[in-house]
Amino acid sequence: MPLRLVGTLVVLGALVGCDDGAGPDDDAGPRAGADAAVDAGPGGGSDAGPDAGPDVTGDAGPGGGSDAGPSTTTAAVLPTDGAEVLYSAAVRATAPPGAVEVEVTEPVSGASCVAPAPWFECLLDLSAATPGPLTIALVSRDGAGAELGRAMLALTRRAIEVPCTGTGSALDTCILARASTMDAAGFDGVTYLNADNAHARVNTGTMTGIDARVLENPPATVLADVTLGVMNESRAYTSGESCSLVRCYPTGRQRLALNHYEGNFLYMIPEHRDVGIRDYYQWQAPFYLLSQGSSSSERDEVAKALRALAVMRPAARAAAVADSAVGPLLSFLIMRARRDSDVAYLTADALPTAVPNSPSEERILELAAAIRADEIPPVARIDADTASFPPDWSMTRSLSTPFAVGYTPPTLPAAAPAGDFTIEATLAPSADANGRALMFFPVVLREAGSAVTVERLDASGLRWAVRGDFPEDATITTGGQDRIVSRVTVAFFPHNGVWLGAPVMVSVGARPSGESSSNANNLD
């Protein structure tokens, strides 16, 4: 079923702990903060389409907004004239009375987006634009397509460097050379915590300067003597009918993942068998990363994250630490590096529950090296202020964090109950730590048999309502496999004018959040 967006544009992973049977270890070497039927993905318009990917004529779009009154002219509010941009421009415009849209175009590359009334906001894909000065055209039109006004906006696209190429030790050698000239922060100050007693330890032998430790179990909070880094754990409970650690132990692994996310660490764990024939996750969250597969499947992403931290400019990394933004930054970088553009990142397929392997080593370094101290990717937060469900759904709030909320029933209903839900959520902040105004882009990540409506409730773009009926089973293709899902997840992506950031999420699931998954569910 298609997403419907109201009043804005939607753009373009007795119990016994045991080894899961994977191969042996090879360690040889927050920042805190609609009426057209449209689909998840970039663009403008009012078409319907499947949830599994972009639909460049009518999808996920920015929030944000202005408290100013109606305008009589066509003009750009954001970005400001002369602003520097990278992969995209989050555009907010004004338009004369009677305007139903503002078309935004970069004529040389042909990139365009349509910003519909009443907020006149859209995301312009600049991934194919030539670095240097850009001239953006804005044209407002009425319902008959007649032009009402136009304006020009001068921007500069910063040249983007690929700092290092190759894989493994070749990347480390390059990063260390850059660090010697202060073009990178290097591995000094980066901590890698293996939290499964070296069961699936990353080879850090050529990451000179890194603080690499082996722990029997993950600590509940960030260790007092470390500042930033990555932690992985590859063990799972796999005896009988069970499930893996993060999904079924909310006061344990979920909480420690959240604590580390807020403390400049990202926690990574394999999904093991929870995202197989059926995706048993009834919510999604950005504060930990699930890899598709069993033990060791996360090690490639751990290594990418460690190198991303090392290749960052020293001042940028220090600013991310000061803003408690390292966890969200890594969450963003890992997922964004798997896509060619910001617009492609804002799609359901770009954020699977568990990530498969991807040759994204060079892009994650490109992204990380491009970050500057005054433009750290934004960190959003979410609060579900009110949630209304029909009484016979018996829904409870099973996930309650500043970055993701989720609702599930205590038992599996015999049949999908009737009625609709409404969740009203508030996003924050309205500006990042450097005072850059934020826009928010809602995207439906999962839509299991439910007609979802996302409605923007205010001009600031911080208040939203998500509505839909009971999620029913639907088969989608993600991570190279057909999987059955039974939840709705809406993600809100922040954009600070230069960078997108990790999303915050609200989910409604149709099954108990701690439901057991069997070994037969493992497709990997």
Protein backbone atom coordinates (compact mmCIF):
# COMPACT_ATOMS: atom_id res chain seq x y z
CA MET A 1 0.00 0.00 0.00
CA PRO A 2 1.28 3.52 -0.72
CA LEU A 3 2.33 6.11 1.77
CA ARG A 4 0.12 9.14 1.84
CA LEU A 5 1.77 12.36 2.92
CA VAL A 6 -0.38 15.26 4.05
CA GLY A 7 0.75 18.84 3.56
CA THR A 8 4.40 18.37 2.55
CA LEU A 9 6.69 16.69 0.05
CA VAL A 10 8.27 13.33 0.81
CA VAL A 11 11.65 13.10 -0.95
CA LEU A 12 13.86 11.74 -3.01
CA GLY A 13 18.43 -7.54 13.08
CA ALA A 14 16.15 -22.64 29.83
CA LEU A 15 18.25 -20.24 27.21
CA VAL A 16 21.88 -21.14 26.71
CA GLY A 17 24.48 -18.69 25.40
CA CYS A 18 26.48 -20.41 22.71
CA ASP A 19 28.51 -20.03 19.55
CA ASP A 20 26.27 -19.71 16.51
CA GLY A 21 28.39 -22.01 14.38
CA ALA A 22 30.23 -19.40 12.33
CA GLY A 23 33.87 -19.72 11.44
CA PRO A 24 36.73 -19.00 13.84
CA ASP A 25 38.21 -15.63 14.63
CA ASP A 26 40.80 -14.55 12.08
CA ASP A 27 42.59 -11.89 14.06
CA ALA A 28 45.93 -12.72 12.46
CA GLY A 29 47.07 -9.60 11.49
CA PRO A 30 23.46 13.47 19.09
CA ARG A 31 23.61 15.77 18.64
CA ALA A 32 20.17 16.36 20.08
CA GLY A 33 18.03 17.93 18.95
CA ALA A 34 -0.04 16.22 3.92
CA ASP A 35 -2.93 15.73 0.93
CA ALA A 36 -1.08 14.21 -2.01
CA ALA A 37 -0.69 10.46 -2.18
CA VAL A 38 3.04 9.90 -2.44
CA ASP A 39 5.61 7.18 -1.97
CA ALA A 40 8.91 6.82 -0.14
CA GLY A 41 11.79 8.28 -2.15
CA PRO A 42 12.87 11.57 -3.75
CA GLY A 43 10.99 14.05 -5.87
CA GLY A 44 7.63 15.78 -5.93
CA GLY A 45 4.15 15.06 -7.19
CA SER A 46 1.22 12.93 -6.17
CA ASP A 47 1.67 9.41 -7.43
CA ALA A 48 1.36 6.10 -5.64
CA GLY A 49 3.91 3.34 -5.73
CA PRO A 50 5.48 0.50 -3.80
CA ASP A 51 7.41 1.10 -0.62
CA ALA A 52 10.51 -0.79 -1.65
CA GLY A 53 12.36 2.02 -3.40
CA PRO A 54 12.46 5.55 -4.77
CA ASP A 55 9.72 6.96 -6.90
CA VAL A 56 11.17 10.12 -8.28
CA THR A 57 7.85 11.84 -8.86
CA GLY A 58 6.41 11.91 -5.42
CA ASP A 59 8.20 10.81 -2.31
CA ALA A 60 9.86 11.57 1.00
CA GLY A 61 10.49 15.25 1.54
CA PRO A 62 11.75 17.79 3.98
CA GLY A 63 10.12 19.11 7.02
CA GLY A 64 11.40 22.32 8.46
CA GLY A 65 9.42 25.38 7.60
CA SER A 66 9.09 29.04 8.25
CA ASP A 67 6.93 30.97 10.65
CA ALA A 68 6.80 33.90 8.24
CA GLY A 69 3.48 34.90 6.73
CA PRO A 70 2.40 34.36 3.11
CA SER A 71 4.84 35.71 0.52
CA THR A 72 4.06 37.68 -2.63
CA THR A 73 7.35 36.70 -4.32
CA THR A 74 9.20 33.60 -5.41
CA ALA A 75 12.46 33.35 -3.51
CA ALA A 76 14.76 30.92 -1.76
CA VAL A 77 14.79 31.05 2.03
CA LEU A 78 17.29 28.19 2.37
CA PRO A 79 20.00 27.73 1.31
CA THR A 80 21.11 31.34 1.50
CA ASP A 81 22.68 32.93 -1.55
CA GLY A 82 26.34 31.94 -1.82
CA ALA A 83 26.05 28.90 0.46
CA GLU A 84 28.39 25.93 0.04
CA VAL A 85 26.79 22.53 -0.51
CA LEU A 86 27.98 18.97 -1.03
CA TYR A 87 25.75 16.14 -2.21
CA SER A 88 22.36 17.85 -2.01
CA ALA A 89 20.62 21.11 -1.20
CA ALA A 90 17.66 21.21 1.15
CA VAL A 91 15.59 24.00 -0.41
CA ARG A 92 12.94 26.06 1.32
CA ALA A 93 11.18 28.67 -0.85
CA THR A 94 8.45 31.28 -0.77
CA ALA A 95 5.83 31.68 -3.50
CA PRO A 96 3.03 34.10 -4.46
CA PRO A 97 -0.62 33.46 -3.53
CA GLY A 98 -2.18 30.73 -5.65
CA ALA A 99 1.06 28.83 -6.11
CA VAL A 100 0.78 25.07 -5.73
CA GLU A 101 4.46 24.29 -6.29
CA VAL A 102 7.93 25.65 -6.78
CA GLU A 103 10.15 23.73 -9.20
CA VAL A 104 13.83 23.87 -8.26
CA THR A 105 16.39 23.10 -10.99
CA GLU A 106 20.14 23.00 -11.48
CA PRO A 107 20.15 23.38 -15.29
CA VAL A 108 23.63 22.04 -16.09
CA SER A 109 23.26 18.66 -14.37
CA GLY A 110 19.50 18.54 -14.93
CA ALA A 111 18.85 17.91 -11.25
CA SER A 112 15.42 19.05 -10.11
CA CYS A 113 12.87 18.67 -7.35
CA VAL A 114 9.35 19.98 -6.85
CA ALA A 115 8.44 21.74 -3.62
CA PRO A 116 4.66 21.66 -3.12
CA ALA A 117 2.46 24.05 -1.18
CA PRO A 118 2.10 24.98 1.57
CA TRP A 119 5.68 24.55 2.78
CA PHE A 120 7.56 24.80 -0.54
CA GLU A 121 10.44 22.54 0.45
CA CYS A 122 12.32 19.80 -1.40
CA LEU A 123 15.67 18.04 -1.62
CA LEU A 124 17.77 18.83 -4.70
CA ASP A 125 20.16 16.05 -5.73
CA LEU A 126 23.53 17.58 -6.63
CA SER A 127 25.52 14.35 -6.85
CA ALA A 128 25.98 14.80 -10.63
CA ALA A 129 26.67 18.55 -10.49
CA THR A 130 30.16 19.84 -11.33
CA PRO A 131 32.07 21.24 -8.36
CA GLY A 132 32.26 25.01 -8.31
CA PRO A 133 29.64 27.73 -8.76
CA LEU A 134 26.06 26.60 -9.38
CA THR A 135 23.04 28.64 -10.40
CA ILE A 136 19.75 27.24 -9.12
CA ALA A 137 16.46 28.29 -10.73
CA LEU A 138 13.19 28.44 -8.78
CA VAL A 139 9.89 28.72 -10.68
CA SER A 140 6.49 28.94 -8.95
CA ARG A 141 3.34 27.74 -10.70
CA ASP A 142 -0.39 27.68 -10.06
CA GLY A 143 -2.71 24.69 -10.35
CA ALA A 144 -3.05 25.14 -14.14
CA GLY A 145 0.73 25.12 -14.58
CA ALA A 146 1.00 28.83 -15.27
CA GLU A 147 4.17 30.50 -14.07
CA LEU A 148 3.71 32.96 -11.23
CA GLY A 149 7.30 33.96 -10.59
CA ARG A 150 10.90 32.91 -10.66
CA ALA A 151 14.14 33.49 -8.83
CA MET A 152 17.79 32.52 -9.09
CA LEU A 153 20.02 31.21 -6.31
CA ALA A 154 23.83 31.14 -6.42
CA LEU A 155 25.51 28.20 -4.64
CA THR A 156 28.93 26.59 -4.63
CA ARG A 157 29.40 22.86 -4.68
CA ARG A 158 32.52 21.91 -2.76
CA ALA A 159 34.96 19.61 -4.53
CA ILE A 160 34.85 16.16 -2.94
CA GLU A 161 38.03 14.19 -2.41
CA VAL A 162 38.45 10.44 -2.26
CA PRO A 163 41.20 10.48 0.36
CA CYS A 164 42.34 6.84 0.18
CA THR A 165 41.78 3.88 -2.10
CA GLY A 166 42.24 0.16 -1.82
CA THR A 167 41.34 -2.13 1.04
CA GLY A 168 42.69 -3.31 4.37
CA SER A 169 46.26 -2.39 5.23
CA ALA A 170 46.56 -0.15 2.14
CA LEU A 171 43.80 2.04 3.56
CA ASP A 172 45.49 2.13 6.94
CA THR A 173 48.81 3.14 5.41
CA CYS A 174 47.11 5.96 3.53
CA ILE A 175 45.20 7.17 6.59
CA LEU A 176 48.35 7.17 8.69
CA ALA A 177 50.18 9.18 6.03
CA ARG A 178 47.38 11.75 6.05
CA ALA A 179 47.50 11.86 9.84
CA SER A 180 51.21 12.63 9.74
CA THR A 181 50.41 15.87 7.90
CA MET A 182 47.36 16.61 10.11
CA ASP A 183 44.98 15.97 7.21
CA ALA A 184 43.41 13.20 9.29
CA ALA A 185 42.98 12.56 12.99
CA GLY A 186 44.48 9.09 12.76
CA PHE A 187 43.81 6.08 14.95
CA ASP A 188 45.16 7.68 18.12
CA GLY A 189 42.19 8.29 20.40
CA VAL A 190 39.98 5.71 18.67
CA THR A 191 38.91 2.72 20.79
CA TYR A 192 37.79 -0.62 19.44
CA LEU A 193 36.06 -2.87 21.96
CA ASN A 194 35.64 -6.51 21.07
CA ALA A 195 33.02 -7.63 23.59
CA ASP A 196 32.81 -11.37 22.94
CA ASN A 197 36.20 -12.56 24.21
CA ALA A 198 37.75 -12.45 20.70
CA HIS A 199 35.06 -14.71 19.20
CA ALA A 200 34.81 -12.30 16.24
CA ARG A 201 37.59 -9.80 16.63
CA VAL A 202 38.53 -7.30 13.91
CA ASN A 203 42.14 -7.33 12.75
CA THR A 204 43.52 -3.94 13.81
CA GLY A 205 47.17 -4.88 13.35
CA THR A 206 47.87 -2.12 10.80
CA MET A 207 45.74 0.54 12.53
CA THR A 208 48.73 2.01 14.34
CA GLY A 209 47.76 3.96 17.45
CA ILE A 210 44.34 2.41 17.97
CA ASP A 211 43.25 1.33 21.46
CA ALA A 212 41.98 -2.21 20.76
CA ARG A 213 40.65 -4.20 23.71
CA VAL A 214 39.12 -7.63 24.23
CA LEU A 215 36.32 -7.90 26.79
CA GLU A 216 34.39 -10.93 27.96
CA ASN A 217 31.08 -8.97 27.83
CA PRO A 218 30.06 -5.50 26.71
CA PRO A 219 30.01 -2.83 29.42
CA ALA A 220 26.65 -1.25 30.22
CA THR A 221 28.05 2.24 29.72
CA VAL A 222 31.02 3.77 27.93
CA LEU A 223 34.24 3.06 29.80
CA ALA A 224 35.57 6.06 31.70
CA ASP A 225 38.98 6.01 30.00
CA VAL A 226 37.77 6.00 26.37
CA THR A 227 36.38 8.83 24.24
CA LEU A 228 34.96 7.43 21.01
CA GLY A 229 34.87 4.28 18.97
CA VAL A 230 33.10 1.08 18.02
CA MET A 231 32.09 -2.06 19.92
CA ASN A 232 31.03 -5.41 18.46
CA GLU A 233 29.65 -8.63 19.91
CA SER A 234 28.96 -11.71 17.80
CA ARG A 235 27.48 -14.10 20.34
CA ALA A 236 23.81 -15.05 20.38
CA TYR A 237 21.30 -17.24 22.13
CA THR A 238 20.57 -19.90 19.54
CA SER A 239 19.38 -22.91 21.52
CA GLY A 240 15.86 -24.10 20.70
CA GLU A 241 13.24 -21.48 19.93
CA SER A 242 14.98 -18.25 20.86
CA CYS A 243 16.17 -14.94 19.46
CA SER A 244 19.29 -12.83 19.42
CA LEU A 245 20.46 -10.37 21.99
CA VAL A 246 19.36 -6.87 21.02
CA ARG A 247 15.78 -7.69 20.05
CA CYS A 248 14.78 -9.78 23.03
CA TYR A 249 16.70 -8.21 25.90
CA PRO A 250 15.43 -4.62 26.18
CA THR A 251 16.97 -3.94 29.58
CA GLY A 252 20.31 -5.40 28.49
CA ARG A 253 21.70 -5.09 24.99
CA GLN A 254 19.19 -2.45 23.83
CA ARG A 255 20.01 -0.24 26.77
CA LEU A 256 23.77 -0.62 26.46
CA ALA A 257 23.54 0.14 22.71
CA LEU A 258 21.62 3.34 23.51
CA ASN A 259 24.05 4.33 26.26
CA HIS A 260 26.98 3.92 23.92
CA TYR A 261 25.23 5.78 21.06
CA GLU A 262 24.80 8.75 23.37
CA GLY A 263 28.40 8.38 24.53
CA ASN A 264 30.17 8.54 21.15
CA PHE A 265 30.22 4.79 20.43
CA LEU A 266 28.34 2.60 17.98
CA TYR A 267 27.44 -0.97 18.97
CA MET A 268 27.34 -3.64 16.25
CA ILE A 269 25.95 -7.16 16.38
CA PRO A 270 24.87 -9.77 13.79
CA GLU A 271 21.15 -10.39 13.36
CA HIS A 272 21.86 -14.16 13.44
CA ARG A 273 18.37 -15.40 12.47
CA ASP A 274 15.91 -12.65 13.44
CA VAL A 275 15.77 -11.22 9.89
CA GLY A 276 15.40 -14.37 7.80
CA ILE A 277 12.32 -15.76 6.07
CA ARG A 278 10.44 -13.51 8.47
CA ASP A 279 11.79 -10.24 9.79
CA TYR A 280 10.92 -10.61 13.46
CA TYR A 281 11.96 -7.06 14.32
CA GLN A 282 8.82 -5.07 15.11
CA TRP A 283 10.68 -1.76 15.18
CA GLN A 284 13.82 -0.22 13.75
CA ALA A 285 16.35 1.94 15.57
CA PRO A 286 19.49 3.83 14.50
CA PHE A 287 21.46 3.39 17.73
CA TYR A 288 22.94 0.01 16.90
CA LEU A 289 23.86 -1.71 13.65
CA LEU A 290 22.75 -5.22 12.72
CA SER A 291 24.70 -7.11 10.09
CA GLN A 292 22.98 -9.67 7.87
CA GLY A 293 24.25 -13.06 8.96
CA SER A 294 25.85 -14.75 11.92
CA SER A 295 29.16 -14.42 13.74
CA SER A 296 31.78 -12.22 12.09
CA SER A 297 29.33 -10.76 9.56
CA GLU A 298 29.68 -7.37 11.25
CA ARG A 299 33.46 -7.18 11.17
CA ASP A 300 33.68 -5.47 7.78
CA GLU A 301 31.42 -2.66 8.97
CA VAL A 302 33.37 -2.35 12.23
CA ALA A 303 36.59 -1.87 10.26
CA LYS A 304 34.96 0.72 7.98
CA ALA A 305 33.72 2.68 10.98
CA LEU A 306 37.13 2.66 12.66
CA ARG A 307 38.79 3.92 9.48
CA ALA A 308 36.11 6.59 9.01
CA LEU A 309 36.88 7.95 12.47
CA ALA A 310 40.60 7.91 11.69
CA VAL A 311 40.31 9.72 8.33
CA MET A 312 38.21 12.57 9.74
CA ARG A 313 39.91 15.93 10.10
CA PRO A 314 41.12 16.44 13.68
CA ALA A 315 38.91 19.46 14.37
CA ALA A 316 35.86 17.78 12.88
CA ARG A 317 36.29 14.67 14.98
CA ALA A 318 36.82 16.73 18.10
CA ALA A 319 33.64 18.68 17.36
CA ALA A 320 31.68 15.46 16.90
CA VAL A 321 32.91 14.21 20.26
CA ALA A 322 32.01 17.50 21.94
CA ASP A 323 28.51 17.33 20.47
CA SER A 324 28.04 13.66 21.50
CA ALA A 325 27.49 13.03 17.80
CA VAL A 326 29.92 10.21 17.05
CA GLY A 327 27.38 7.38 17.44
CA PRO A 328 24.80 9.04 15.15
CA LEU A 329 27.58 10.07 12.78
CA LEU A 330 28.79 6.49 12.35
CA SER A 331 25.20 5.24 11.98
CA PHE A 332 24.71 7.78 9.18
CA LEU A 333 28.05 7.18 7.47
CA ILE A 334 27.73 3.40 7.30
CA MET A 335 24.28 3.51 5.71
CA ARG A 336 24.87 6.57 3.48
CA ALA A 337 28.12 5.09 2.10
CA ARG A 338 26.09 2.27 0.57
CA ARG A 339 24.29 4.68 -1.76
CA ASP A 340 25.47 6.96 -4.57
CA SER A 341 23.57 10.04 -3.43
CA ASP A 342 21.65 11.64 -0.58
CA VAL A 343 18.42 11.08 -2.49
CA ALA A 344 19.17 7.38 -2.88
CA TYR A 345 19.83 7.21 0.85
CA LEU A 346 16.28 8.42 1.54
CA THR A 347 14.63 5.19 0.42
CA ALA A 348 13.32 2.10 2.14
CA ASP A 349 15.84 -0.17 0.44
CA ALA A 350 18.73 1.94 1.73
CA LEU A 351 17.92 1.16 5.35
CA PRO A 352 17.29 -2.57 5.73
CA THR A 353 16.86 -3.98 9.21
CA ALA A 354 20.20 -5.76 8.83
CA VAL A 355 22.91 -4.70 6.40
CA PRO A 356 24.44 -7.14 3.89
CA ASN A 357 28.02 -6.90 2.67
CA SER A 358 28.83 -3.86 0.55
CA PRO A 359 31.99 -2.56 -1.19
CA SER A 360 31.60 0.85 0.47
CA GLU A 361 35.09 1.31 1.96
CA GLU A 362 36.13 4.20 -0.29
CA ARG A 363 32.84 6.09 -0.07
CA ILE A 364 32.70 6.03 3.71
CA LEU A 365 36.18 7.56 3.79
CA GLU A 366 35.14 10.14 1.19
CA LEU A 367 32.18 11.15 3.33
CA ALA A 368 34.11 11.20 6.59
CA ALA A 369 36.99 13.23 5.18
CA ALA A 370 34.59 15.85 3.78
CA ILE A 371 33.11 16.72 7.20
CA ARG A 372 34.17 20.00 8.73
CA ALA A 373 34.02 21.09 12.35
CA ASP A 374 31.20 23.61 11.83
CA GLU A 375 28.96 21.25 9.85
CA ILE A 376 28.82 17.95 11.76
CA PRO A 377 25.88 15.90 10.41
CA PRO A 378 22.83 16.69 12.54
CA VAL A 379 21.51 14.53 15.35
CA ALA A 380 17.73 14.39 15.62
CA ARG A 381 15.55 13.22 18.51
CA ILE A 382 11.95 12.10 18.64
CA ASP A 383 9.20 11.92 21.21
CA ALA A 384 5.85 10.26 20.56
CA ASP A 385 3.67 12.72 22.47
CA THR A 386 0.41 10.87 21.97
CA ALA A 387 -0.51 7.48 20.59
CA SER A 388 -4.06 6.30 19.99
CA PHE A 389 -4.87 2.68 19.17
CA PRO A 390 -8.22 0.83 19.11
CA PRO A 391 -8.63 -0.92 22.48
CA ASP A 392 -8.78 -4.41 20.98
CA TRP A 393 -5.29 -3.94 19.50
CA SER A 394 -3.87 -4.03 23.06
CA MET A 395 -0.80 -2.12 21.87
CA THR A 396 1.98 -1.16 24.26
CA ARG A 397 5.04 1.06 23.85
CA SER A 398 7.72 -1.61 23.64
CA LEU A 399 10.57 0.68 22.56
CA SER A 400 10.98 4.08 24.17
CA THR A 401 14.19 6.00 23.42
CA PRO A 402 15.12 9.51 22.21
CA PHE A 403 15.96 8.11 18.77
CA ALA A 404 13.28 5.48 18.12
CA VAL A 405 9.88 4.51 19.53
CA GLY A 406 7.93 1.35 18.82
CA TYR A 407 4.51 -0.12 19.60
CA THR A 408 3.61 -3.82 19.61
CA PRO A 409 0.85 -6.13 20.94
CA PRO A 410 1.63 -8.45 23.87
CA THR A 411 0.40 -11.49 21.93
CA LEU A 412 -0.09 -12.36 18.27
CA PRO A 413 -3.68 -11.53 17.22
CA ALA A 414 -5.65 -14.35 15.62
CA ALA A 415 -6.66 -11.94 12.83
CA ALA A 416 -5.86 -8.34 11.98
CA PRO A 417 -8.17 -6.16 14.11
CA ALA A 418 -10.15 -3.30 12.57
CA GLY A 419 -9.57 0.39 13.09
CA ASP A 420 -6.72 2.84 12.71
CA PHE A 421 -3.92 4.22 14.84
CA THR A 422 -2.65 7.77 15.21
CA ILE A 423 0.76 8.67 16.63
CA GLU A 424 1.73 12.31 17.05
CA ALA A 425 5.45 12.90 17.33
CA THR A 426 7.69 15.87 18.02
CA LEU A 427 11.14 16.12 16.47
CA ALA A 428 14.04 18.15 17.82
CA PRO A 429 16.07 20.22 17.58
CA SER A 430 15.12 22.93 15.07
CA ALA A 431 18.81 23.78 14.54
CA ASP A 432 22.08 21.90 14.96
CA ALA A 433 24.85 22.76 17.41
CA ASN A 434 26.23 25.35 14.97
CA GLY A 435 22.86 27.07 14.60
CA ARG A 436 22.11 25.66 11.15
CA ALA A 437 18.36 25.29 10.62
CA LEU A 438 17.14 21.72 10.17
CA MET A 439 14.64 20.33 7.69
CA PHE A 440 13.15 16.87 8.20
CA PHE A 441 12.48 14.33 5.46
CA PRO A 442 9.99 11.54 6.28
CA VAL A 443 10.43 8.16 4.59
CA VAL A 444 8.45 4.95 5.03
CA LEU A 445 10.99 2.20 5.60
CA ARG A 446 8.49 -0.61 6.03
CA GLU A 447 4.80 -0.72 5.19
CA ALA A 448 3.39 -4.14 5.86
CA GLY A 449 -0.09 -4.21 4.40
CA SER A 450 -0.97 -0.87 5.96
CA ALA A 451 -2.03 2.36 4.24
CA VAL A 452 0.15 4.91 6.04
CA THR A 453 -0.47 8.64 6.25
CA VAL A 454 2.26 11.02 7.38
CA GLU A 455 0.93 14.48 8.17
CA ARG A 456 2.95 17.54 8.98
CA LEU A 457 1.27 19.47 11.76
CA ASP A 458 3.14 22.78 11.92
CA ALA A 459 5.19 25.26 9.91
CA SER A 460 8.37 24.45 11.79
CA GLY A 461 8.32 20.85 10.56
CA LEU A 462 8.83 19.53 14.08
CA ARG A 463 5.34 18.16 14.67
CA TRP A 464 4.07 15.15 12.70
CA ALA A 465 1.24 12.62 12.79
CA VAL A 466 1.56 9.04 11.54
CA ARG A 467 -1.70 7.18 10.86
CA GLY A 468 -2.54 3.74 9.52
CA ASP A 469 -4.38 0.49 9.98
CA PHE A 470 -3.11 -2.69 11.56
CA PRO A 471 0.07 -3.92 9.83
CA GLU A 472 -0.47 -7.20 8.04
CA ASP A 473 2.12 -9.58 6.62
CA ALA A 474 3.79 -8.40 3.42
CA THR A 475 6.69 -9.88 1.47
CA ILE A 476 9.43 -7.47 0.49
CA THR A 477 12.88 -7.93 -1.03
CA THR A 478 15.67 -6.58 1.14
CA GLY A 479 19.28 -7.60 1.62
CA GLY A 480 19.02 -9.78 -1.48
CA GLN A 481 16.26 -11.96 0.01
CA ASP A 482 12.46 -12.06 0.05
CA ARG A 483 11.38 -11.56 3.65
CA ILE A 484 8.02 -11.34 5.41
CA VAL A 485 7.51 -8.15 7.41
CA SER A 486 4.62 -7.19 9.67
CA ARG A 487 5.34 -3.65 10.78
CA VAL A 488 5.18 -0.03 9.69
CA THR A 489 8.26 2.14 10.28
CA VAL A 490 8.49 5.83 9.40
CA ALA A 491 11.92 7.48 9.57
CA PHE A 492 12.55 11.21 9.81
CA PHE A 493 15.91 12.30 8.36
CA PRO A 494 17.40 15.65 9.45
CA HIS A 495 19.28 17.91 7.00
CA ASN A 496 21.31 20.90 8.19
CA GLY A 497 21.89 22.45 4.77
CA VAL A 498 25.13 20.57 4.16
CA TRP A 499 24.60 17.08 5.54
CA LEU A 500 21.83 14.63 6.13
CA GLY A 501 22.03 12.73 9.40
CA ALA A 502 20.94 9.46 10.94
CA PRO A 503 17.14 9.24 11.10
CA VAL A 504 14.86 8.94 14.09
CA MET A 505 12.07 6.38 13.78
CA VAL A 506 8.56 5.45 14.86
CA SER A 507 7.32 1.88 14.33
CA VAL A 508 4.08 -0.05 14.74
CA GLY A 509 4.42 -3.82 14.72
CA ALA A 510 1.82 -6.54 14.49
CA ARG A 511 3.60 -9.19 16.54
CA PRO A 512 5.13 -9.31 20.03
CA SER A 513 8.51 -7.58 20.04
CA GLY A 514 10.23 -10.46 21.85
CA GLU A 515 8.74 -13.29 19.82
CA SER A 516 11.06 -16.26 19.42
CA SER A 517 12.68 -17.08 16.10
CA SER A 518 13.84 -20.54 15.15
CA ASN A 519 17.01 -21.70 13.44
CA ALA A 520 14.84 -22.47 10.39
CA ASN A 521 14.34 -18.70 9.95
CA ASN A 522 18.01 -18.16 9.11
CA LEU A 523 18.45 -17.42 5.39
CA ASP A 524 22.05 -16.38 5.69
